[in-house]
Amino acid sequence: MFWIILGVVLAIFILVLLITNIVIVPQASVYVVERLGAYQQTWETGVHFKVPFFERVAKRVSLKEQVVDFKPQPVITKDNVTMQIDTVVFFQITDAKLYTYGVERPISAIENLSATTLRNIIGEMELDHTLTSRDIINTKITTTLDEATDKWGIKVNRVELKNIIPPAEIQDAMERQMKAEREKREAILRAEGEKQSQILVAEGEKESQILRAEAEKQAAILRADAVREQKIREAQGEAEAVMMVQKALADSIVLLNESQPSQQVLTIKSLEAFAKAADGKATKIIVPSNLQGLAGLATTFQEVMSNPQDAGK
């Protein structure tokens, strides 16, 4: 019975020992394994078995890109101005073995190296150049850190200057300068706005004058067309009236000729024409040469009126 219990306990112990030494490496991670204190291998993503009592996982390393925000560091520019600059470093571990055994406390090493590099770069630049050359500074720090950390199995992707804090008196001077620049820019914009407003008003007045002139021109053209049309119509009406008078006269002559009037009728017509000429509207009166025959016109006219049928012969 004792041996049975001992065997069961031993089997359970072995099972637990085996289960506890099964290691699963997650995605984007690697494990550095040591055997008897010496580097054995680097486990990548998947299931691995660790030899009990002889092997151990020395370091778990993430292969993801990491971001470290370092505290502000005091730096001195070329023109002896002390500033506070804090940096943000983006890096990624490319070799887990070098990262584990290459340097003690690698993050602290990166921080110190970043501060030293930043002081060297800023020390060669004046204040104004420093404030306007963030990209240049970022590129120089990135290149220097990447080369220095390569032997640690670290790839520095980029370094960003988070804040550049100059002394208080310089900040006040910069703020006053920025305020003056804003006021100057505002005055320029206001002047430009007023200028554009005046230009728009002038253009509007010019356009209005052009439109009024065009309207007056069109109105004059329309009035001239109306007067011309009226005169044309009046001329046409007078021409038609003359034509009608002429036609009526021609028709009357035709009828008169067709009726073969007597000498008495012709004499009466002549008398009527003479009466019209002498009705006071004419300025000149032409008296017929046979004025002596006018005395008998009244008698002839009386005879014709008394015998209208004879007058038509």
C-alpha atoms as a PDB file:
ATOM      1  CA  MET A   1       0.000   0.000   0.000  1.00  0.00           C
ATOM      2  CA  PHE A   2       2.868   2.350   0.826  1.00  0.00           C
ATOM      3  CA  TRP A   3       4.539   1.747  -2.495  1.00  0.00           C
ATOM      4  CA  ILE A   4       1.328   2.403  -4.294  1.00  0.00           C
ATOM      5  CA  ILE A   5       0.901   5.764  -2.571  1.00  0.00           C
ATOM      6  CA  LEU A   6       4.540   6.625  -3.179  1.00  0.00           C
ATOM      7  CA  GLY A   7       4.172   5.777  -6.859  1.00  0.00           C
ATOM      8  CA  VAL A   8       1.076   7.914  -7.207  1.00  0.00           C
ATOM      9  CA  VAL A   9       2.762  10.869  -5.487  1.00  0.00           C
ATOM     10  CA  LEU A  10       5.842  10.468  -7.635  1.00  0.00           C
ATOM     11  CA  ALA A  11       3.727  10.330 -10.821  1.00  0.00           C
ATOM     12  CA  ILE A  12       1.843  13.447  -9.801  1.00  0.00           C
ATOM     13  CA  PHE A  13       5.129  15.228  -9.040  1.00  0.00           C
ATOM     14  CA  ILE A  14       6.588  14.300 -12.395  1.00  0.00           C
ATOM     15  CA  LEU A  15       3.400  15.387 -14.199  1.00  0.00           C
ATOM     16  CA  VAL A  16       3.361  18.710 -12.410  1.00  0.00           C
ATOM     17  CA  LEU A  17       7.067  19.182 -13.105  1.00  0.00           C
ATOM     18  CA  LEU A  18       6.560  18.536 -16.801  1.00  0.00           C
ATOM     19  CA  ILE A  19       3.542  20.828 -17.028  1.00  0.00           C
ATOM     20  CA  THR A  20       5.288  23.687 -15.225  1.00  0.00           C
ATOM     21  CA  ASN A  21       8.246  23.471 -17.595  1.00  0.00           C
ATOM     22  CA  ILE A  22       6.139  23.841 -20.717  1.00  0.00           C
ATOM     23  CA  VAL A  23       6.659  27.423 -21.878  1.00  0.00           C
ATOM     24  CA  ILE A  24       4.501  29.243 -24.439  1.00  0.00           C
ATOM     25  CA  VAL A  25       6.124  32.300 -26.039  1.00  0.00           C
ATOM     26  CA  PRO A  26       3.487  34.866 -27.147  1.00  0.00           C
ATOM     27  CA  GLN A  27       3.446  36.823 -30.403  1.00  0.00           C
ATOM     28  CA  ALA A  28       5.972  39.676 -30.801  1.00  0.00           C
ATOM     29  CA  SER A  29       8.063  38.318 -27.914  1.00  0.00           C
ATOM     30  CA  VAL A  30      11.202  36.170 -27.466  1.00  0.00           C
ATOM     31  CA  TYR A  31      12.638  34.453 -24.396  1.00  0.00           C
ATOM     32  CA  VAL A  32      16.345  34.272 -23.637  1.00  0.00           C
ATOM     33  CA  VAL A  33      17.097  30.828 -22.093  1.00  0.00           C
ATOM     34  CA  GLU A  34      20.137  29.940 -19.988  1.00  0.00           C
ATOM     35  CA  ARG A  35      21.402  26.468 -19.117  1.00  0.00           C
ATOM     36  CA  LEU A  36      23.438  26.209 -15.959  1.00  0.00           C
ATOM     37  CA  GLY A  37      23.959  29.982 -16.013  1.00  0.00           C
ATOM     38  CA  ALA A  38      25.165  30.245 -19.618  1.00  0.00           C
ATOM     39  CA  TYR A  39      23.238  31.465 -22.660  1.00  0.00           C
ATOM     40  CA  GLN A  40      21.566  28.491 -24.335  1.00  0.00           C
ATOM     41  CA  GLN A  41      19.191  29.860 -26.987  1.00  0.00           C
ATOM     42  CA  THR A  42      16.474  32.364 -27.831  1.00  0.00           C
ATOM     43  CA  TRP A  43      12.960  31.003 -27.999  1.00  0.00           C
ATOM     44  CA  GLU A  44      10.612  32.574 -30.507  1.00  0.00           C
ATOM     45  CA  THR A  45       6.794  32.458 -30.672  1.00  0.00           C
ATOM     46  CA  GLY A  46       5.411  28.979 -29.951  1.00  0.00           C
ATOM     47  CA  VAL A  47       5.517  26.101 -27.417  1.00  0.00           C
ATOM     48  CA  HIS A  48       8.829  25.154 -25.822  1.00  0.00           C
ATOM     49  CA  PHE A  49       9.930  22.729 -23.104  1.00  0.00           C
ATOM     50  CA  LYS A  50      12.418  23.789 -20.455  1.00  0.00           C
ATOM     51  CA  VAL A  51      14.699  21.188 -18.907  1.00  0.00           C
ATOM     52  CA  PRO A  52      13.845  21.180 -15.212  1.00  0.00           C
ATOM     53  CA  PHE A  53      16.527  22.366 -12.781  1.00  0.00           C
ATOM     54  CA  PHE A  54      19.029  22.981 -15.587  1.00  0.00           C
ATOM     55  CA  GLU A  55      17.422  25.664 -17.757  1.00  0.00           C
ATOM     56  CA  ARG A  56      15.718  28.928 -16.934  1.00  0.00           C
ATOM     57  CA  VAL A  57      14.214  31.863 -18.822  1.00  0.00           C
ATOM     58  CA  ALA A  58      16.743  34.627 -18.176  1.00  0.00           C
ATOM     59  CA  LYS A  59      14.806  37.451 -19.877  1.00  0.00           C
ATOM     60  CA  ARG A  60      11.516  37.998 -21.613  1.00  0.00           C
ATOM     61  CA  VAL A  61      11.987  40.492 -24.427  1.00  0.00           C
ATOM     62  CA  SER A  62       9.255  42.358 -26.333  1.00  0.00           C
ATOM     63  CA  LEU A  63       9.938  42.980 -30.026  1.00  0.00           C
ATOM     64  CA  LYS A  64       7.317  45.734 -30.272  1.00  0.00           C
ATOM     65  CA  GLU A  65       8.335  49.348 -30.815  1.00  0.00           C
ATOM     66  CA  GLN A  66       8.665  51.036 -27.453  1.00  0.00           C
ATOM     67  CA  VAL A  67       8.365  54.675 -26.461  1.00  0.00           C
ATOM     68  CA  VAL A  68      10.307  56.218 -23.590  1.00  0.00           C
ATOM     69  CA  ASP A  69       9.740  59.784 -22.405  1.00  0.00           C
ATOM     70  CA  PHE A  70      12.826  61.126 -20.655  1.00  0.00           C
ATOM     71  CA  LYS A  71      12.825  63.957 -18.145  1.00  0.00           C
ATOM     72  CA  PRO A  72      13.996  67.452 -19.194  1.00  0.00           C
ATOM     73  CA  GLN A  73      17.748  67.799 -19.418  1.00  0.00           C
ATOM     74  CA  PRO A  74      19.635  71.097 -18.911  1.00  0.00           C
ATOM     75  CA  VAL A  75      21.634  72.079 -21.990  1.00  0.00           C
ATOM     76  CA  ILE A  76      23.695  75.167 -22.846  1.00  0.00           C
ATOM     77  CA  THR A  77      23.631  76.760 -26.278  1.00  0.00           C
ATOM     78  CA  LYS A  78      26.595  78.228 -28.106  1.00  0.00           C
ATOM     79  CA  ASP A  79      25.602  81.723 -26.924  1.00  0.00           C
ATOM     80  CA  ASN A  80      25.535  80.546 -23.264  1.00  0.00           C
ATOM     81  CA  VAL A  81      21.790  80.237 -22.791  1.00  0.00           C
ATOM     82  CA  THR A  82      20.668  77.401 -20.509  1.00  0.00           C
ATOM     83  CA  MET A  83      17.556  75.581 -21.606  1.00  0.00           C
ATOM     84  CA  GLN A  84      15.560  72.580 -20.476  1.00  0.00           C
ATOM     85  CA  ILE A  85      14.848  69.996 -23.207  1.00  0.00           C
ATOM     86  CA  ASP A  86      12.987  66.723 -22.801  1.00  0.00           C
ATOM     87  CA  THR A  87      13.068  64.022 -25.438  1.00  0.00           C
ATOM     88  CA  VAL A  88      10.940  61.102 -26.548  1.00  0.00           C
ATOM     89  CA  VAL A  89      12.785  58.053 -27.925  1.00  0.00           C
ATOM     90  CA  PHE A  90      11.140  55.437 -30.150  1.00  0.00           C
ATOM     91  CA  PHE A  91      13.153  52.218 -30.257  1.00  0.00           C
ATOM     92  CA  GLN A  92      12.796  48.518 -30.980  1.00  0.00           C
ATOM     93  CA  ILE A  93      14.812  45.486 -29.810  1.00  0.00           C
ATOM     94  CA  THR A  94      16.265  43.584 -32.739  1.00  0.00           C
ATOM     95  CA  ASP A  95      18.612  41.161 -30.944  1.00  0.00           C
ATOM     96  CA  ALA A  96      17.399  39.728 -27.638  1.00  0.00           C
ATOM     97  CA  LYS A  97      20.772  38.192 -26.748  1.00  0.00           C
ATOM     98  CA  LEU A  98      22.684  41.480 -27.179  1.00  0.00           C
ATOM     99  CA  TYR A  99      19.918  43.341 -25.374  1.00  0.00           C
ATOM    100  CA  THR A 100      20.184  40.902 -22.434  1.00  0.00           C
ATOM    101  CA  TYR A 101      23.957  40.722 -22.137  1.00  0.00           C
ATOM    102  CA  GLY A 102      25.154  43.842 -23.953  1.00  0.00           C
ATOM    103  CA  VAL A 103      24.430  46.516 -21.347  1.00  0.00           C
ATOM    104  CA  GLU A 104      23.144  46.739 -17.824  1.00  0.00           C
ATOM    105  CA  ARG A 105      19.833  48.617 -17.550  1.00  0.00           C
ATOM    106  CA  PRO A 106      19.556  49.465 -21.271  1.00  0.00           C
ATOM    107  CA  ILE A 107      16.777  52.074 -20.828  1.00  0.00           C
ATOM    108  CA  SER A 108      18.913  54.069 -18.406  1.00  0.00           C
ATOM    109  CA  ALA A 109      21.829  53.747 -20.807  1.00  0.00           C
ATOM    110  CA  ILE A 110      19.694  55.138 -23.643  1.00  0.00           C
ATOM    111  CA  GLU A 111      18.591  58.042 -21.440  1.00  0.00           C
ATOM    112  CA  ASN A 112      22.145  58.997 -20.487  1.00  0.00           C
ATOM    113  CA  LEU A 113      23.339  58.629 -24.063  1.00  0.00           C
ATOM    114  CA  SER A 114      20.444  60.784 -25.308  1.00  0.00           C
ATOM    115  CA  ALA A 115      21.253  63.543 -22.795  1.00  0.00           C
ATOM    116  CA  THR A 116      24.955  63.518 -23.696  1.00  0.00           C
ATOM    117  CA  THR A 117      24.250  63.623 -27.419  1.00  0.00           C
ATOM    118  CA  LEU A 118      21.723  66.425 -26.973  1.00  0.00           C
ATOM    119  CA  ARG A 119      24.220  68.551 -25.030  1.00  0.00           C
ATOM    120  CA  ASN A 120      26.838  68.082 -27.739  1.00  0.00           C
ATOM    121  CA  ILE A 121      24.446  69.074 -30.539  1.00  0.00           C
ATOM    122  CA  ILE A 122      22.889  72.058 -28.751  1.00  0.00           C
ATOM    123  CA  GLY A 123      26.323  73.284 -27.656  1.00  0.00           C
ATOM    124  CA  GLU A 124      27.176  73.921 -31.304  1.00  0.00           C
ATOM    125  CA  MET A 125      24.022  75.930 -31.990  1.00  0.00           C
ATOM    126  CA  GLU A 126      22.788  79.366 -30.938  1.00  0.00           C
ATOM    127  CA  LEU A 127      19.438  79.921 -29.249  1.00  0.00           C
ATOM    128  CA  ASP A 128      17.519  81.155 -32.320  1.00  0.00           C
ATOM    129  CA  HIS A 129      18.872  78.313 -34.424  1.00  0.00           C
ATOM    130  CA  THR A 130      17.940  75.814 -31.721  1.00  0.00           C
ATOM    131  CA  LEU A 131      14.345  77.007 -31.564  1.00  0.00           C
ATOM    132  CA  THR A 132      13.891  76.769 -35.345  1.00  0.00           C
ATOM    133  CA  SER A 133      15.832  73.558 -36.042  1.00  0.00           C
ATOM    134  CA  ARG A 134      13.899  70.814 -34.293  1.00  0.00           C
ATOM    135  CA  ASP A 135      14.008  68.518 -37.326  1.00  0.00           C
ATOM    136  CA  ILE A 136      17.770  68.875 -37.682  1.00  0.00           C
ATOM    137  CA  ILE A 137      18.314  68.151 -33.986  1.00  0.00           C
ATOM    138  CA  ASN A 138      15.964  65.156 -34.109  1.00  0.00           C
ATOM    139  CA  THR A 139      17.812  63.686 -37.081  1.00  0.00           C
ATOM    140  CA  LYS A 140      21.249  64.122 -35.496  1.00  0.00           C
ATOM    141  CA  ILE A 141      20.205  62.560 -32.185  1.00  0.00           C
ATOM    142  CA  THR A 142      18.505  59.659 -33.947  1.00  0.00           C
ATOM    143  CA  THR A 143      21.580  58.890 -36.040  1.00  0.00           C
ATOM    144  CA  THR A 144      23.944  59.075 -33.056  1.00  0.00           C
ATOM    145  CA  LEU A 145      21.776  56.933 -30.759  1.00  0.00           C
ATOM    146  CA  ASP A 146      21.115  54.348 -33.459  1.00  0.00           C
ATOM    147  CA  GLU A 147      24.804  53.840 -34.074  1.00  0.00           C
ATOM    148  CA  ALA A 148      25.638  53.675 -30.352  1.00  0.00           C
ATOM    149  CA  THR A 149      22.835  51.245 -29.424  1.00  0.00           C
ATOM    150  CA  ASP A 150      23.418  48.885 -32.318  1.00  0.00           C
ATOM    151  CA  LYS A 151      25.832  46.801 -30.223  1.00  0.00           C
ATOM    152  CA  TRP A 152      23.099  46.506 -27.584  1.00  0.00           C
ATOM    153  CA  GLY A 153      20.659  44.910 -29.983  1.00  0.00           C
ATOM    154  CA  ILE A 154      18.522  48.075 -30.054  1.00  0.00           C
ATOM    155  CA  LYS A 155      17.281  49.940 -33.124  1.00  0.00           C
ATOM    156  CA  VAL A 156      16.463  53.625 -32.462  1.00  0.00           C
ATOM    157  CA  ASN A 157      13.778  54.549 -34.999  1.00  0.00           C
ATOM    158  CA  ARG A 158      13.484  58.240 -34.150  1.00  0.00           C
ATOM    159  CA  VAL A 159      13.953  60.824 -31.421  1.00  0.00           C
ATOM    160  CA  GLU A 160      11.632  63.779 -30.925  1.00  0.00           C
ATOM    161  CA  LEU A 161      12.239  66.930 -28.896  1.00  0.00           C
ATOM    162  CA  LYS A 162       9.091  67.186 -26.834  1.00  0.00           C
ATOM    163  CA  ASN A 163       9.678  70.592 -25.253  1.00  0.00           C
ATOM    164  CA  ILE A 164      12.323  73.291 -25.474  1.00  0.00           C
ATOM    165  CA  ILE A 165      12.059  75.533 -22.412  1.00  0.00           C
ATOM    166  CA  PRO A 166      14.285  78.643 -22.489  1.00  0.00           C
ATOM    167  CA  PRO A 167      14.859  80.868 -19.412  1.00  0.00           C
ATOM    168  CA  ALA A 168      11.955  82.968 -18.114  1.00  0.00           C
ATOM    169  CA  GLU A 169      13.353  86.299 -19.323  1.00  0.00           C
ATOM    170  CA  ILE A 170      13.865  84.926 -22.798  1.00  0.00           C
ATOM    171  CA  GLN A 171      10.360  83.502 -22.774  1.00  0.00           C
ATOM    172  CA  ASP A 172       8.992  86.954 -21.885  1.00  0.00           C
ATOM    173  CA  ALA A 173      10.995  88.555 -24.688  1.00  0.00           C
ATOM    174  CA  MET A 174       9.795  85.901 -27.128  1.00  0.00           C
ATOM    175  CA  GLU A 175       6.197  86.397 -26.051  1.00  0.00           C
ATOM    176  CA  ARG A 176       6.498  90.168 -26.551  1.00  0.00           C
ATOM    177  CA  GLN A 177       8.039  89.610 -29.951  1.00  0.00           C
ATOM    178  CA  MET A 178       5.316  87.148 -30.895  1.00  0.00           C
ATOM    179  CA  LYS A 179       2.672  89.608 -29.692  1.00  0.00           C
ATOM    180  CA  ALA A 180       4.235  92.364 -31.798  1.00  0.00           C
ATOM    181  CA  GLU A 181       4.315  90.046 -34.790  1.00  0.00           C
ATOM    182  CA  ARG A 182       0.666  89.136 -34.275  1.00  0.00           C
ATOM    183  CA  GLU A 183      -0.320  92.798 -33.985  1.00  0.00           C
ATOM    184  CA  LYS A 184       1.697  93.616 -37.100  1.00  0.00           C
ATOM    185  CA  ARG A 185       0.108  90.763 -38.971  1.00  0.00           C
ATOM    186  CA  GLU A 186      -3.325  91.835 -37.760  1.00  0.00           C
ATOM    187  CA  ALA A 187      -2.697  95.420 -38.940  1.00  0.00           C
ATOM    188  CA  ILE A 188      -1.530  94.133 -42.323  1.00  0.00           C
ATOM    189  CA  LEU A 189      -4.583  91.928 -42.655  1.00  0.00           C
ATOM    190  CA  ARG A 190      -6.867  94.787 -41.609  1.00  0.00           C
ATOM    191  CA  ALA A 191      -5.246  97.103 -44.162  1.00  0.00           C
ATOM    192  CA  GLU A 192      -5.543  94.436 -46.817  1.00  0.00           C
ATOM    193  CA  GLY A 193      -9.186  93.952 -45.901  1.00  0.00           C
ATOM    194  CA  GLU A 194      -9.917  97.671 -46.122  1.00  0.00           C
ATOM    195  CA  LYS A 195      -8.087  97.848 -49.434  1.00  0.00           C
ATOM    196  CA  GLN A 196     -10.036  94.936 -50.819  1.00  0.00           C
ATOM    197  CA  SER A 197     -13.266  96.483 -49.498  1.00  0.00           C
ATOM    198  CA  GLN A 198     -12.524  99.775 -51.268  1.00  0.00           C
ATOM    199  CA  ILE A 199     -11.646  97.932 -54.443  1.00  0.00           C
ATOM    200  CA  LEU A 200     -14.905  96.002 -54.272  1.00  0.00           C
ATOM    201  CA  VAL A 201     -16.896  99.196 -53.633  1.00  0.00           C
ATOM    202  CA  ALA A 202     -15.177 100.961 -56.547  1.00  0.00           C
ATOM    203  CA  GLU A 203     -15.767  97.984 -58.800  1.00  0.00           C
ATOM    204  CA  GLY A 204     -19.393  97.889 -57.686  1.00  0.00           C
ATOM    205  CA  GLU A 205     -19.858 101.582 -58.467  1.00  0.00           C
ATOM    206  CA  LYS A 206     -18.120 101.165 -61.806  1.00  0.00           C
ATOM    207  CA  GLU A 207     -20.307  98.204 -62.656  1.00  0.00           C
ATOM    208  CA  SER A 208     -23.382 100.150 -61.564  1.00  0.00           C
ATOM    209  CA  GLN A 209     -22.411 103.100 -63.788  1.00  0.00           C
ATOM    210  CA  ILE A 210     -21.787 100.763 -66.697  1.00  0.00           C
ATOM    211  CA  LEU A 211     -25.168  99.134 -66.169  1.00  0.00           C
ATOM    212  CA  ARG A 212     -26.903 102.534 -65.952  1.00  0.00           C
ATOM    213  CA  ALA A 213     -25.138 103.684 -69.126  1.00  0.00           C
ATOM    214  CA  GLU A 214     -26.127 100.474 -70.866  1.00  0.00           C
ATOM    215  CA  ALA A 215     -29.707 100.909 -69.678  1.00  0.00           C
ATOM    216  CA  GLU A 216     -29.823 104.534 -70.871  1.00  0.00           C
ATOM    217  CA  LYS A 217     -28.283 103.483 -74.169  1.00  0.00           C
ATOM    218  CA  GLN A 218     -30.861 100.749 -74.620  1.00  0.00           C
ATOM    219  CA  ALA A 219     -33.644 103.144 -73.656  1.00  0.00           C
ATOM    220  CA  ALA A 220     -32.386 105.721 -76.196  1.00  0.00           C
ATOM    221  CA  ILE A 221     -32.174 103.043 -78.837  1.00  0.00           C
ATOM    222  CA  LEU A 222     -35.702 101.925 -78.027  1.00  0.00           C
ATOM    223  CA  ARG A 223     -36.982 105.525 -78.142  1.00  0.00           C
ATOM    224  CA  ALA A 224     -35.228 106.123 -81.460  1.00  0.00           C
ATOM    225  CA  ASP A 225     -36.660 102.878 -82.800  1.00  0.00           C
ATOM    226  CA  ALA A 226     -40.117 103.937 -81.624  1.00  0.00           C
ATOM    227  CA  VAL A 227     -39.799 107.389 -83.258  1.00  0.00           C
ATOM    228  CA  ARG A 228     -38.469 105.831 -86.442  1.00  0.00           C
ATOM    229  CA  GLU A 229     -41.269 103.280 -86.448  1.00  0.00           C
ATOM    230  CA  GLN A 230     -43.809 106.053 -85.876  1.00  0.00           C
ATOM    231  CA  LYS A 231     -42.403 108.133 -88.731  1.00  0.00           C
ATOM    232  CA  ILE A 232     -42.317 105.066 -90.971  1.00  0.00           C
ATOM    233  CA  ARG A 233     -45.926 104.331 -90.144  1.00  0.00           C
ATOM    234  CA  GLU A 234     -46.922 107.985 -90.660  1.00  0.00           C
ATOM    235  CA  ALA A 235     -45.087 108.053 -93.983  1.00  0.00           C
ATOM    236  CA  GLN A 236     -46.713 104.786 -94.953  1.00  0.00           C
ATOM    237  CA  GLY A 237     -50.106 106.203 -93.916  1.00  0.00           C
ATOM    238  CA  GLU A 238     -49.551 109.402 -95.915  1.00  0.00           C
ATOM    239  CA  ALA A 239     -48.317 107.391 -98.898  1.00  0.00           C
ATOM    240  CA  GLU A 240     -51.341 105.143 -98.680  1.00  0.00           C
ATOM    241  CA  ALA A 241     -53.612 108.206 -98.394  1.00  0.00           C
ATOM    242  CA  VAL A 242     -51.978 109.792-101.454  1.00  0.00           C
ATOM    243  CA  MET A 243     -52.288 106.506-103.289  1.00  0.00           C
ATOM    244  CA  MET A 244     -55.925 106.291-102.339  1.00  0.00           C
ATOM    245  CA  VAL A 245     -56.512 109.883-103.444  1.00  0.00           C
ATOM    246  CA  GLN A 246     -54.672 109.269-106.686  1.00  0.00           C
ATOM    247  CA  LYS A 247     -56.546 106.028-107.208  1.00  0.00           C
ATOM    248  CA  ALA A 248     -59.851 107.744-106.491  1.00  0.00           C
ATOM    249  CA  LEU A 249     -58.922 110.514-108.908  1.00  0.00           C
ATOM    250  CA  ALA A 250     -57.869 107.992-111.528  1.00  0.00           C
ATOM    251  CA  ASP A 251     -61.038 106.038-110.989  1.00  0.00           C
ATOM    252  CA  SER A 252     -63.128 109.201-111.286  1.00  0.00           C
ATOM    253  CA  ILE A 253     -61.356 110.152-114.520  1.00  0.00           C
ATOM    254  CA  VAL A 254     -61.909 106.652-115.856  1.00  0.00           C
ATOM    255  CA  LEU A 255     -65.571 106.820-114.969  1.00  0.00           C
ATOM    256  CA  LEU A 256     -65.824 110.283-116.397  1.00  0.00           C
ATOM    257  CA  ASN A 257     -64.263 109.183-119.650  1.00  0.00           C
ATOM    258  CA  GLU A 258     -66.422 106.102-119.803  1.00  0.00           C
ATOM    259  CA  SER A 259     -69.551 108.223-119.331  1.00  0.00           C
ATOM    260  CA  GLN A 260     -68.591 110.539-122.255  1.00  0.00           C
ATOM    261  CA  PRO A 261     -69.629 113.778-120.513  1.00  0.00           C
ATOM    262  CA  SER A 262     -70.997 116.738-122.430  1.00  0.00           C
ATOM    263  CA  GLN A 263     -69.334 120.084-122.705  1.00  0.00           C
ATOM    264  CA  GLN A 264     -71.600 121.428-120.000  1.00  0.00           C
ATOM    265  CA  VAL A 265     -70.394 118.817-117.450  1.00  0.00           C
ATOM    266  CA  LEU A 266     -66.775 119.571-118.208  1.00  0.00           C
ATOM    267  CA  THR A 267     -67.533 123.232-117.745  1.00  0.00           C
ATOM    268  CA  ILE A 268     -69.113 122.533-114.334  1.00  0.00           C
ATOM    269  CA  LYS A 269     -66.074 120.474-113.268  1.00  0.00           C
ATOM    270  CA  SER A 270     -63.850 123.331-114.285  1.00  0.00           C
ATOM    271  CA  LEU A 271     -65.976 125.693-112.241  1.00  0.00           C
ATOM    272  CA  GLU A 272     -65.678 123.408-109.199  1.00  0.00           C
ATOM    273  CA  ALA A 273     -61.901 123.279-109.551  1.00  0.00           C
ATOM    274  CA  PHE A 274     -61.782 127.056-109.823  1.00  0.00           C
ATOM    275  CA  ALA A 275     -63.988 127.355-106.731  1.00  0.00           C
ATOM    276  CA  LYS A 276     -61.637 125.144-104.741  1.00  0.00           C
ATOM    277  CA  ALA A 277     -58.680 127.178-105.844  1.00  0.00           C
ATOM    278  CA  ALA A 278     -60.424 130.348-104.741  1.00  0.00           C
ATOM    279  CA  ASP A 279     -61.721 129.141-101.347  1.00  0.00           C
ATOM    280  CA  GLY A 280     -59.271 131.394 -99.518  1.00  0.00           C
ATOM    281  CA  LYS A 281     -56.593 128.781 -98.788  1.00  0.00           C
ATOM    282  CA  ALA A 282     -54.659 129.203-102.025  1.00  0.00           C
ATOM    283  CA  THR A 283     -52.179 132.071-102.230  1.00  0.00           C
ATOM    284  CA  LYS A 284     -52.457 132.413-106.016  1.00  0.00           C
ATOM    285  CA  ILE A 285     -55.459 132.155-108.324  1.00  0.00           C
ATOM    286  CA  ILE A 286     -55.053 131.468-112.009  1.00  0.00           C
ATOM    287  CA  VAL A 287     -57.884 133.029-113.973  1.00  0.00           C
ATOM    288  CA  PRO A 288     -58.831 131.282-117.209  1.00  0.00           C
ATOM    289  CA  SER A 289     -58.159 133.210-120.427  1.00  0.00           C
ATOM    290  CA  ASN A 290     -61.762 132.888-121.527  1.00  0.00           C
ATOM    291  CA  LEU A 291     -62.997 134.761-118.498  1.00  0.00           C
ATOM    292  CA  GLN A 292     -65.727 136.250-120.623  1.00  0.00           C
ATOM    293  CA  GLY A 293     -67.251 132.803-120.941  1.00  0.00           C
ATOM    294  CA  LEU A 294     -67.742 132.546-117.254  1.00  0.00           C
ATOM    295  CA  ALA A 295     -70.823 134.625-117.463  1.00  0.00           C
ATOM    296  CA  GLY A 296     -72.623 131.852-119.191  1.00  0.00           C
ATOM    297  CA  LEU A 297     -71.484 129.201-116.703  1.00  0.00           C
ATOM    298  CA  ALA A 298     -74.322 129.922-114.334  1.00  0.00           C
ATOM    299  CA  THR A 299     -76.897 129.402-117.067  1.00  0.00           C
ATOM    300  CA  THR A 300     -75.236 126.206-118.158  1.00  0.00           C
ATOM    301  CA  PHE A 301     -75.034 124.941-114.598  1.00  0.00           C
ATOM    302  CA  GLN A 302     -78.717 125.683-114.099  1.00  0.00           C
ATOM    303  CA  GLU A 303     -79.615 123.741-117.197  1.00  0.00           C
ATOM    304  CA  VAL A 304     -77.561 120.814-116.183  1.00  0.00           C
ATOM    305  CA  MET A 305     -79.089 120.732-112.702  1.00  0.00           C
ATOM    306  CA  SER A 306     -82.529 120.860-114.177  1.00  0.00           C
ATOM    307  CA  ASN A 307     -81.779 118.054-116.644  1.00  0.00           C
ATOM    308  CA  PRO A 308     -79.349 115.707-114.871  1.00  0.00           C
ATOM    309  CA  GLN A 309     -79.964 112.986-117.501  1.00  0.00           C
ATOM    310  CA  ASP A 310     -78.753 115.292-120.251  1.00  0.00           C
ATOM    311  CA  ALA A 311     -75.670 116.120-118.240  1.00  0.00           C
ATOM    312  CA  GLY A 312     -74.610 112.517-118.243  1.00  0.00           C
ATOM    313  CA  LYS A 313     -74.673 112.344-122.012  1.00  0.00           C
END
